[in-house]
Amino acid sequence: MKIKKVLEKTEIPFGIIGNYYIEIFSDNEIVITGKTEVLKLDNTVLKLKVGPQIMEFCGDKINISCFTIDGLKITGNISRIEFIQKEKSD
């Protein structure tokens, strides 16, 4: 129940917490541990599928500096992180 309250206060969608975790070290470095799939990557946007959720990282000079089967490290001038709820298909 505590996790749900934290998610509500931070506006992180319920269900984003799974077999992975996100460490935000600064606005220049984020590490995601767990299975991820890169959907889009350019200089200003990185879109990932992380578990059942889509995450978008926006900024300048966005880069994946390390990518392994265990996770990835995002670097650059990160100005925004967006959690996008995946639409359920009928």
C-alpha atoms as a PDB file:
ATOM      1  CA  MET A   1       0.000   0.000   0.000  1.00  0.00           C
ATOM      2  CA  LYS A   2       2.896   2.403   0.683  1.00  0.00           C
ATOM      3  CA  ILE A   3       4.161   2.027  -2.892  1.00  0.00           C
ATOM      4  CA  LYS A   4       0.755   3.059  -4.280  1.00  0.00           C
ATOM      5  CA  LYS A   5       0.780   6.242  -2.137  1.00  0.00           C
ATOM      6  CA  VAL A   6       4.298   7.124  -3.306  1.00  0.00           C
ATOM      7  CA  LEU A   7       3.279   6.566  -6.932  1.00  0.00           C
ATOM      8  CA  GLU A   8       0.222   8.789  -6.515  1.00  0.00           C
ATOM      9  CA  LYS A   9       2.280  11.625  -5.013  1.00  0.00           C
ATOM     10  CA  THR A  10       4.967  11.395  -7.719  1.00  0.00           C
ATOM     11  CA  GLU A  11       2.390  10.810 -10.495  1.00  0.00           C
ATOM     12  CA  ILE A  12       4.212   7.649 -11.613  1.00  0.00           C
ATOM     13  CA  PRO A  13       1.642   5.259 -13.123  1.00  0.00           C
ATOM     14  CA  PHE A  14       0.783   2.252 -10.961  1.00  0.00           C
ATOM     15  CA  GLY A  15       2.376  -0.854 -12.473  1.00  0.00           C
ATOM     16  CA  ILE A  16       5.613   0.875 -13.490  1.00  0.00           C
ATOM     17  CA  ILE A  17       7.316  -0.815 -10.551  1.00  0.00           C
ATOM     18  CA  GLY A  18       8.263  -4.314 -11.689  1.00  0.00           C
ATOM     19  CA  ASN A  19      11.355  -6.389 -12.259  1.00  0.00           C
ATOM     20  CA  TYR A  20      13.454  -3.313 -12.882  1.00  0.00           C
ATOM     21  CA  TYR A  21      14.386  -0.083 -11.181  1.00  0.00           C
ATOM     22  CA  ILE A  22      15.382   3.423 -12.152  1.00  0.00           C
ATOM     23  CA  GLU A  23      18.213   5.376 -10.539  1.00  0.00           C
ATOM     24  CA  ILE A  24      18.337   9.106 -11.259  1.00  0.00           C
ATOM     25  CA  PHE A  25      21.798  10.365 -10.344  1.00  0.00           C
ATOM     26  CA  SER A  26      21.406  13.863 -11.830  1.00  0.00           C
ATOM     27  CA  ASP A  27      19.884  15.588 -14.832  1.00  0.00           C
ATOM     28  CA  ASN A  28      22.827  14.125 -16.787  1.00  0.00           C
ATOM     29  CA  GLU A  29      22.735  10.441 -15.799  1.00  0.00           C
ATOM     30  CA  ILE A  30      20.001   7.820 -15.343  1.00  0.00           C
ATOM     31  CA  VAL A  31      20.482   4.064 -14.982  1.00  0.00           C
ATOM     32  CA  ILE A  32      17.668   1.602 -15.648  1.00  0.00           C
ATOM     33  CA  THR A  33      18.223  -1.978 -14.513  1.00  0.00           C
ATOM     34  CA  GLY A  34      16.007  -4.625 -16.079  1.00  0.00           C
ATOM     35  CA  LYS A  35      14.745  -5.549 -19.524  1.00  0.00           C
ATOM     36  CA  THR A  36      14.313  -2.521 -21.770  1.00  0.00           C
ATOM     37  CA  GLU A  37      13.537  -2.056 -25.443  1.00  0.00           C
ATOM     38  CA  VAL A  38      14.611   1.051 -27.364  1.00  0.00           C
ATOM     39  CA  LEU A  39      11.707   2.379 -29.453  1.00  0.00           C
ATOM     40  CA  LYS A  40      13.230   5.687 -30.569  1.00  0.00           C
ATOM     41  CA  LEU A  41      16.579   7.423 -30.140  1.00  0.00           C
ATOM     42  CA  ASP A  42      17.791  10.703 -31.541  1.00  0.00           C
ATOM     43  CA  ASN A  43      19.714  13.669 -30.137  1.00  0.00           C
ATOM     44  CA  THR A  44      16.715  15.043 -28.216  1.00  0.00           C
ATOM     45  CA  VAL A  45      14.424  12.060 -27.446  1.00  0.00           C
ATOM     46  CA  LEU A  46      14.834   8.525 -26.132  1.00  0.00           C
ATOM     47  CA  LYS A  47      11.692   6.384 -25.964  1.00  0.00           C
ATOM     48  CA  LEU A  48      11.895   3.051 -24.131  1.00  0.00           C
ATOM     49  CA  LYS A  49       9.569   0.176 -23.390  1.00  0.00           C
ATOM     50  CA  VAL A  50      10.254  -0.679 -19.750  1.00  0.00           C
ATOM     51  CA  GLY A  51       8.117  -3.587 -18.603  1.00  0.00           C
ATOM     52  CA  PRO A  52       4.516  -2.755 -19.469  1.00  0.00           C
ATOM     53  CA  GLN A  53       5.167   1.016 -19.667  1.00  0.00           C
ATOM     54  CA  ILE A  54       6.625   3.399 -22.220  1.00  0.00           C
ATOM     55  CA  MET A  55       9.095   5.987 -20.896  1.00  0.00           C
ATOM     56  CA  GLU A  56      10.268   9.044 -22.813  1.00  0.00           C
ATOM     57  CA  PHE A  57      13.410  11.021 -21.918  1.00  0.00           C
ATOM     58  CA  CYS A  58      13.736  14.446 -23.536  1.00  0.00           C
ATOM     59  CA  GLY A  59      16.545  16.972 -23.559  1.00  0.00           C
ATOM     60  CA  ASP A  60      19.739  17.677 -25.450  1.00  0.00           C
ATOM     61  CA  LYS A  61      22.527  15.278 -26.442  1.00  0.00           C
ATOM     62  CA  ILE A  62      20.496  12.291 -25.188  1.00  0.00           C
ATOM     63  CA  ASN A  63      22.602   9.152 -25.522  1.00  0.00           C
ATOM     64  CA  ILE A  64      22.771   5.549 -24.347  1.00  0.00           C
ATOM     65  CA  SER A  65      26.312   5.278 -23.025  1.00  0.00           C
ATOM     66  CA  CYS A  66      25.980   1.628 -21.923  1.00  0.00           C
ATOM     67  CA  PHE A  67      23.437  -0.994 -23.016  1.00  0.00           C
ATOM     68  CA  THR A  68      23.507  -4.600 -21.791  1.00  0.00           C
ATOM     69  CA  ILE A  69      21.019  -7.398 -21.268  1.00  0.00           C
ATOM     70  CA  ASP A  70      20.762  -6.202 -17.633  1.00  0.00           C
ATOM     71  CA  GLY A  71      19.848  -2.579 -18.412  1.00  0.00           C
ATOM     72  CA  LEU A  72      21.167   0.702 -19.750  1.00  0.00           C
ATOM     73  CA  LYS A  73      22.709   4.031 -18.826  1.00  0.00           C
ATOM     74  CA  ILE A  74      21.271   7.253 -20.266  1.00  0.00           C
ATOM     75  CA  THR A  75      23.421  10.375 -20.439  1.00  0.00           C
ATOM     76  CA  GLY A  76      22.893  13.890 -21.774  1.00  0.00           C
ATOM     77  CA  ASN A  77      21.108  17.022 -20.606  1.00  0.00           C
ATOM     78  CA  ILE A  78      17.835  15.416 -19.520  1.00  0.00           C
ATOM     79  CA  SER A  79      15.107  18.015 -19.042  1.00  0.00           C
ATOM     80  CA  ARG A  80      11.965  15.840 -18.913  1.00  0.00           C
ATOM     81  CA  ILE A  81      10.913  12.259 -18.157  1.00  0.00           C
ATOM     82  CA  GLU A  82       7.454  11.145 -19.205  1.00  0.00           C
ATOM     83  CA  PHE A  83       5.673   7.911 -18.278  1.00  0.00           C
ATOM     84  CA  ILE A  84       3.211   6.935 -20.987  1.00  0.00           C
ATOM     85  CA  GLN A  85       0.517   4.401 -20.093  1.00  0.00           C
ATOM     86  CA  LYS A  86       0.192   1.819 -22.785  1.00  0.00           C
ATOM     87  CA  GLU A  87      -3.327   1.610 -24.220  1.00  0.00           C
ATOM     88  CA  LYS A  88      -5.065  -1.718 -23.648  1.00  0.00           C
ATOM     89  CA  SER A  89      -6.149  -3.375 -26.893  1.00  0.00           C
ATOM     90  CA  ASP A  90      -9.551  -4.969 -27.145  1.00  0.00           C
END
